[in-house]
Amino acid sequence: MNAELLAFGVSALALGIGALVGARHLYPRLELAEDAESSLQLLTAMIAGVLLLTGLGLVLVGLFG
C-alpha cells in the first residue's frame, strides 16, 4: 500500500467530483448561447472524466500495487 498514490488519487477524485458539482451550480447562471453552453459542458465532462479515471487508477495502484 502506497500512501502517496492513495492521497493523490483521492485528491484527483475530489477535484473531479468538485468540478462536476460546481459546474452543475454554475451553468444555469451563465447566459451563453446554446452552442457555447453545450461545448462548455462537454469540455467540463471530459476534464472531470480524466480526473475521475486518473484518481481511480491511482487509488487502485496505491492499494494493490
PDB file of N, CA and C in Angstrom:
ATOM      1  N   MET A   1       0.841  -1.176   0.000  1.00  0.00           N
ATOM      2  CA  MET A   1       0.000   0.000   0.000  1.00  0.00           C
ATOM      3  C   MET A   1       0.885   1.237   0.000  1.00  0.00           C
ATOM      4  N   ASN A   2       0.612   2.132  -0.931  1.00  0.00           N
ATOM      5  CA  ASN A   2       1.416   3.335  -1.072  1.00  0.00           C
ATOM      6  C   ASN A   2       0.549   4.546  -0.712  1.00  0.00           C
ATOM      7  N   ALA A   3       0.889   5.203   0.366  1.00  0.00           N
ATOM      8  CA  ALA A   3       0.070   6.301   0.882  1.00  0.00           C
ATOM      9  C   ALA A   3       0.074   7.516  -0.042  1.00  0.00           C
ATOM     10  N   GLU A   4       1.201   7.776  -0.723  1.00  0.00           N
ATOM     11  CA  GLU A   4       1.250   8.930  -1.608  1.00  0.00           C
ATOM     12  C   GLU A   4       0.319   8.754  -2.791  1.00  0.00           C
ATOM     13  N   LEU A   5       0.314   7.570  -3.382  1.00  0.00           N
ATOM     14  CA  LEU A   5      -0.584   7.325  -4.500  1.00  0.00           C
ATOM     15  C   LEU A   5      -2.043   7.405  -4.074  1.00  0.00           C
ATOM     16  N   LEU A   6      -2.328   6.892  -2.893  1.00  0.00           N
ATOM     17  CA  LEU A   6      -3.689   6.986  -2.382  1.00  0.00           C
ATOM     18  C   LEU A   6      -4.102   8.442  -2.174  1.00  0.00           C
ATOM     19  N   ALA A   7      -3.212   9.247  -1.636  1.00  0.00           N
ATOM     20  CA  ALA A   7      -3.526  10.658  -1.391  1.00  0.00           C
ATOM     21  C   ALA A   7      -3.756  11.404  -2.704  1.00  0.00           C
ATOM     22  N   PHE A   8      -2.888  11.181  -3.687  1.00  0.00           N
ATOM     23  CA  PHE A   8      -3.076  11.839  -4.978  1.00  0.00           C
ATOM     24  C   PHE A   8      -4.339  11.339  -5.673  1.00  0.00           C
ATOM     25  N   GLY A   9      -4.626  10.052  -5.534  1.00  0.00           N
ATOM     26  CA  GLY A   9      -5.836   9.501  -6.140  1.00  0.00           C
ATOM     27  C   GLY A   9      -7.102  10.065  -5.537  1.00  0.00           C
ATOM     28  N   VAL A  10      -7.129  10.146  -4.225  1.00  0.00           N
ATOM     29  CA  VAL A  10      -8.309  10.700  -3.554  1.00  0.00           C
ATOM     30  C   VAL A  10      -8.474  12.175  -3.879  1.00  0.00           C
ATOM     31  N   SER A  11      -7.370  12.904  -3.969  1.00  0.00           N
ATOM     32  CA  SER A  11      -7.472  14.324  -4.316  1.00  0.00           C
ATOM     33  C   SER A  11      -7.928  14.506  -5.759  1.00  0.00           C
ATOM     34  N   ALA A  12      -7.493  13.655  -6.676  1.00  0.00           N
ATOM     35  CA  ALA A  12      -7.962  13.741  -8.061  1.00  0.00           C
ATOM     36  C   ALA A  12      -9.445  13.405  -8.145  1.00  0.00           C
ATOM     37  N   LEU A  13      -9.880  12.407  -7.390  1.00  0.00           N
ATOM     38  CA  LEU A  13     -11.309  12.085  -7.352  1.00  0.00           C
ATOM     39  C   LEU A  13     -12.115  13.257  -6.801  1.00  0.00           C
ATOM     40  N   ALA A  14     -11.621  13.875  -5.747  1.00  0.00           N
ATOM     41  CA  ALA A  14     -12.327  15.015  -5.157  1.00  0.00           C
ATOM     42  C   ALA A  14     -12.387  16.192  -6.126  1.00  0.00           C
ATOM     43  N   LEU A  15     -11.321  16.432  -6.860  1.00  0.00           N
ATOM     44  CA  LEU A  15     -11.327  17.515  -7.843  1.00  0.00           C
ATOM     45  C   LEU A  15     -12.311  17.230  -8.969  1.00  0.00           C
ATOM     46  N   GLY A  16     -12.361  15.992  -9.432  1.00  0.00           N
ATOM     47  CA  GLY A  16     -13.300  15.638 -10.490  1.00  0.00           C
ATOM     48  C   GLY A  16     -14.739  15.783 -10.050  1.00  0.00           C
ATOM     49  N   ILE A  17     -15.053  15.301  -8.862  1.00  0.00           N
ATOM     50  CA  ILE A  17     -16.415  15.433  -8.343  1.00  0.00           C
ATOM     51  C   ILE A  17     -16.741  16.903  -8.080  1.00  0.00           C
ATOM     52  N   GLY A  18     -15.783  17.637  -7.563  1.00  0.00           N
ATOM     53  CA  GLY A  18     -15.989  19.067  -7.324  1.00  0.00           C
ATOM     54  C   GLY A  18     -16.227  19.844  -8.608  1.00  0.00           C
ATOM     55  N   ALA A  19     -15.537  19.476  -9.681  1.00  0.00           N
ATOM     56  CA  ALA A  19     -15.753  20.141 -10.967  1.00  0.00           C
ATOM     57  C   ALA A  19     -17.159  19.879 -11.483  1.00  0.00           C
ATOM     58  N   LEU A  20     -17.627  18.643 -11.337  1.00  0.00           N
ATOM     59  CA  LEU A  20     -18.980  18.325 -11.793  1.00  0.00           C
ATOM     60  C   LEU A  20     -20.048  19.040 -10.968  1.00  0.00           C
ATOM     61  N   VAL A  21     -19.870  19.052  -9.654  1.00  0.00           N
ATOM     62  CA  VAL A  21     -20.853  19.706  -8.785  1.00  0.00           C
ATOM     63  C   VAL A  21     -20.832  21.225  -9.000  1.00  0.00           C
ATOM     64  N   GLY A  22     -19.648  21.779  -9.091  1.00  0.00           N
ATOM     65  CA  GLY A  22     -19.532  23.220  -9.321  1.00  0.00           C
ATOM     66  C   GLY A  22     -20.126  23.637 -10.656  1.00  0.00           C
ATOM     67  N   ALA A  23     -19.892  22.849 -11.674  1.00  0.00           N
ATOM     68  CA  ALA A  23     -20.444  23.170 -12.988  1.00  0.00           C
ATOM     69  C   ALA A  23     -21.957  23.077 -12.982  1.00  0.00           C
ATOM     70  N   ARG A  24     -22.489  22.112 -12.250  1.00  0.00           N
ATOM     71  CA  ARG A  24     -23.941  21.965 -12.190  1.00  0.00           C
ATOM     72  C   ARG A  24     -24.601  23.200 -11.575  1.00  0.00           C
ATOM     73  N   HIS A  25     -23.938  23.809 -10.606  1.00  0.00           N
ATOM     74  CA  HIS A  25     -24.485  25.006  -9.969  1.00  0.00           C
ATOM     75  C   HIS A  25     -24.182  26.275 -10.764  1.00  0.00           C
ATOM     76  N   LEU A  26     -23.113  26.266 -11.547  1.00  0.00           N
ATOM     77  CA  LEU A  26     -22.689  27.465 -12.265  1.00  0.00           C
ATOM     78  C   LEU A  26     -23.379  27.619 -13.609  1.00  0.00           C
ATOM     79  N   TYR A  27     -23.606  26.540 -14.333  1.00  0.00           N
ATOM     80  CA  TYR A  27     -24.135  26.639 -15.692  1.00  0.00           C
ATOM     81  C   TYR A  27     -25.485  27.333 -15.794  1.00  0.00           C
ATOM     82  N   PRO A  28     -26.451  27.098 -14.907  1.00  0.00           N
ATOM     83  CA  PRO A  28     -27.728  27.818 -15.057  1.00  0.00           C
ATOM     84  C   PRO A  28     -27.599  29.335 -14.906  1.00  0.00           C
ATOM     85  N   ARG A  29     -26.573  29.795 -14.217  1.00  0.00           N
ATOM     86  CA  ARG A  29     -26.392  31.234 -14.004  1.00  0.00           C
ATOM     87  C   ARG A  29     -25.737  31.928 -15.190  1.00  0.00           C
ATOM     88  N   LEU A  30     -25.060  31.163 -16.030  1.00  0.00           N
ATOM     89  CA  LEU A  30     -24.397  31.750 -17.189  1.00  0.00           C
ATOM     90  C   LEU A  30     -25.421  32.026 -18.279  1.00  0.00           C
ATOM     91  N   GLU A  31     -25.248  33.118 -18.948  1.00  0.00           N
ATOM     92  CA  GLU A  31     -26.123  33.440 -20.065  1.00  0.00           C
ATOM     93  C   GLU A  31     -25.324  33.285 -21.352  1.00  0.00           C
ATOM     94  N   LEU A  32     -25.251  32.044 -21.827  1.00  0.00           N
ATOM     95  CA  LEU A  32     -24.493  31.724 -23.025  1.00  0.00           C
ATOM     96  C   LEU A  32     -25.428  31.226 -24.109  1.00  0.00           C
ATOM     97  N   ALA A  33     -24.942  31.281 -25.324  1.00  0.00           N
ATOM     98  CA  ALA A  33     -25.690  30.678 -26.423  1.00  0.00           C
ATOM     99  C   ALA A  33     -25.730  29.165 -26.211  1.00  0.00           C
ATOM    100  N   GLU A  34     -26.705  28.535 -26.826  1.00  0.00           N
ATOM    101  CA  GLU A  34     -26.882  27.089 -26.618  1.00  0.00           C
ATOM    102  C   GLU A  34     -25.666  26.299 -27.088  1.00  0.00           C
ATOM    103  N   ASP A  35     -25.074  26.704 -28.206  1.00  0.00           N
ATOM    104  CA  ASP A  35     -23.888  26.009 -28.711  1.00  0.00           C
ATOM    105  C   ASP A  35     -22.701  26.176 -27.766  1.00  0.00           C
ATOM    106  N   ALA A  36     -22.512  27.381 -27.262  1.00  0.00           N
ATOM    107  CA  ALA A  36     -21.398  27.633 -26.356  1.00  0.00           C
ATOM    108  C   ALA A  36     -21.583  26.868 -25.049  1.00  0.00           C
ATOM    109  N   GLU A  37     -22.812  26.816 -24.554  1.00  0.00           N
ATOM    110  CA  GLU A  37     -23.062  26.096 -23.303  1.00  0.00           C
ATOM    111  C   GLU A  37     -22.841  24.593 -23.469  1.00  0.00           C
ATOM    112  N   SER A  38     -23.259  24.036 -24.598  1.00  0.00           N
ATOM    113  CA  SER A  38     -23.047  22.598 -24.804  1.00  0.00           C
ATOM    114  C   SER A  38     -21.560  22.288 -24.970  1.00  0.00           C
ATOM    115  N   SER A  39     -20.813  23.175 -25.612  1.00  0.00           N
ATOM    116  CA  SER A  39     -19.368  22.977 -25.731  1.00  0.00           C
ATOM    117  C   SER A  39     -18.688  23.051 -24.369  1.00  0.00           C
ATOM    118  N   LEU A  40     -19.133  23.984 -23.539  1.00  0.00           N
ATOM    119  CA  LEU A  40     -18.579  24.122 -22.198  1.00  0.00           C
ATOM    120  C   LEU A  40     -18.901  22.902 -21.345  1.00  0.00           C
ATOM    121  N   GLN A  41     -20.108  22.377 -21.479  1.00  0.00           N
ATOM    122  CA  GLN A  41     -20.490  21.171 -20.741  1.00  0.00           C
ATOM    123  C   GLN A  41     -19.662  19.974 -21.182  1.00  0.00           C
ATOM    124  N   LEU A  42     -19.423  19.851 -22.489  1.00  0.00           N
ATOM    125  CA  LEU A  42     -18.608  18.744 -22.991  1.00  0.00           C
ATOM    126  C   LEU A  42     -17.174  18.852 -22.483  1.00  0.00           C
ATOM    127  N   LEU A  43     -16.614  20.045 -22.507  1.00  0.00           N
ATOM    128  CA  LEU A  43     -15.255  20.251 -22.017  1.00  0.00           C
ATOM    129  C   LEU A  43     -15.146  19.927 -20.533  1.00  0.00           C
ATOM    130  N   THR A  44     -16.128  20.366 -19.762  1.00  0.00           N
ATOM    131  CA  THR A  44     -16.126  20.080 -18.331  1.00  0.00           C
ATOM    132  C   THR A  44     -16.253  18.587 -18.069  1.00  0.00           C
ATOM    133  N   ALA A  45     -17.108  17.920 -18.821  1.00  0.00           N
ATOM    134  CA  ALA A  45     -17.275  16.481 -18.653  1.00  0.00           C
ATOM    135  C   ALA A  45     -15.999  15.726 -19.003  1.00  0.00           C
ATOM    136  N   MET A  46     -15.292  16.172 -20.035  1.00  0.00           N
ATOM    137  CA  MET A  46     -14.043  15.496 -20.402  1.00  0.00           C
ATOM    138  C   MET A  46     -12.968  15.708 -19.340  1.00  0.00           C
ATOM    139  N   ILE A  47     -12.851  16.915 -18.826  1.00  0.00           N
ATOM    140  CA  ILE A  47     -11.861  17.190 -17.781  1.00  0.00           C
ATOM    141  C   ILE A  47     -12.187  16.395 -16.519  1.00  0.00           C
ATOM    142  N   ALA A  48     -13.458  16.406 -16.123  1.00  0.00           N
ATOM    143  CA  ALA A  48     -13.859  15.665 -14.930  1.00  0.00           C
ATOM    144  C   ALA A  48     -13.659  14.173 -15.136  1.00  0.00           C
ATOM    145  N   GLY A  49     -13.929  13.667 -16.331  1.00  0.00           N
ATOM    146  CA  GLY A  49     -13.724  12.251 -16.613  1.00  0.00           C
ATOM    147  C   GLY A  49     -12.263  11.850 -16.501  1.00  0.00           C
ATOM    148  N   VAL A  50     -11.382  12.677 -17.014  1.00  0.00           N
ATOM    149  CA  VAL A  50      -9.948  12.390 -16.898  1.00  0.00           C
ATOM    150  C   VAL A  50      -9.523  12.392 -15.436  1.00  0.00           C
ATOM    151  N   LEU A  51     -10.002  13.364 -14.676  1.00  0.00           N
ATOM    152  CA  LEU A  51      -9.657  13.418 -13.253  1.00  0.00           C
ATOM    153  C   LEU A  51     -10.197  12.203 -12.494  1.00  0.00           C
ATOM    154  N   LEU A  52     -11.434  11.822 -12.779  1.00  0.00           N
ATOM    155  CA  LEU A  52     -12.023  10.678 -12.079  1.00  0.00           C
ATOM    156  C   LEU A  52     -11.318   9.373 -12.436  1.00  0.00           C
ATOM    157  N   LEU A  53     -11.039   9.158 -13.710  1.00  0.00           N
ATOM    158  CA  LEU A  53     -10.353   7.922 -14.103  1.00  0.00           C
ATOM    159  C   LEU A  53      -8.919   7.879 -13.581  1.00  0.00           C
ATOM    160  N   THR A  54      -8.248   9.017 -13.613  1.00  0.00           N
ATOM    161  CA  THR A  54      -6.888   9.070 -13.068  1.00  0.00           C
ATOM    162  C   THR A  54      -6.894   8.814 -11.576  1.00  0.00           C
ATOM    163  N   GLY A  55      -7.830   9.426 -10.875  1.00  0.00           N
ATOM    164  CA  GLY A  55      -7.924   9.223  -9.427  1.00  0.00           C
ATOM    165  C   GLY A  55      -8.233   7.784  -9.088  1.00  0.00           C
ATOM    166  N   LEU A  56      -9.158   7.183  -9.824  1.00  0.00           N
ATOM    167  CA  LEU A  56      -9.485   5.776  -9.577  1.00  0.00           C
ATOM    168  C   LEU A  56      -8.298   4.868  -9.846  1.00  0.00           C
ATOM    169  N   GLY A  57      -7.581   5.146 -10.918  1.00  0.00           N
ATOM    170  CA  GLY A  57      -6.392   4.356 -11.225  1.00  0.00           C
ATOM    171  C   GLY A  57      -5.327   4.493 -10.151  1.00  0.00           C
ATOM    172  N   LEU A  58      -5.102   5.714  -9.682  1.00  0.00           N
ATOM    173  CA  LEU A  58      -4.102   5.911  -8.626  1.00  0.00           C
ATOM    174  C   LEU A  58      -4.499   5.223  -7.329  1.00  0.00           C
ATOM    175  N   VAL A  59      -5.775   5.273  -6.994  1.00  0.00           N
ATOM    176  CA  VAL A  59      -6.228   4.591  -5.778  1.00  0.00           C
ATOM    177  C   VAL A  59      -6.036   3.091  -5.908  1.00  0.00           C
ATOM    178  N   LEU A  60      -6.382   2.533  -7.044  1.00  0.00           N
ATOM    179  CA  LEU A  60      -6.208   1.090  -7.247  1.00  0.00           C
ATOM    180  C   LEU A  60      -4.753   0.670  -7.210  1.00  0.00           C
ATOM    181  N   VAL A  61      -3.896   1.451  -7.869  1.00  0.00           N
ATOM    182  CA  VAL A  61      -2.462   1.131  -7.844  1.00  0.00           C
ATOM    183  C   VAL A  61      -1.902   1.317  -6.447  1.00  0.00           C
ATOM    184  N   GLY A  62      -2.374   2.343  -5.731  1.00  0.00           N
ATOM    185  CA  GLY A  62      -1.900   2.565  -4.365  1.00  0.00           C
ATOM    186  C   GLY A  62      -2.323   1.455  -3.418  1.00  0.00           C
ATOM    187  N   LEU A  63      -3.485   0.886  -3.644  1.00  0.00           N
ATOM    188  CA  LEU A  63      -3.953  -0.199  -2.775  1.00  0.00           C
ATOM    189  C   LEU A  63      -3.319  -1.545  -3.103  1.00  0.00           C
ATOM    190  N   PHE A  64      -3.264  -1.869  -4.393  1.00  0.00           N
ATOM    191  CA  PHE A  64      -2.855  -3.214  -4.790  1.00  0.00           C
ATOM    192  C   PHE A  64      -1.486  -3.292  -5.426  1.00  0.00           C
ATOM    193  N   GLY A  65      -0.859  -2.154  -5.686  1.00  0.00           N
ATOM    194  CA  GLY A  65       0.428  -2.180  -6.385  1.00  0.00           C
ATOM    195  C   GLY A  65       1.625  -2.317  -5.491  1.00  0.00           C
TER     196      GLY A  65
END
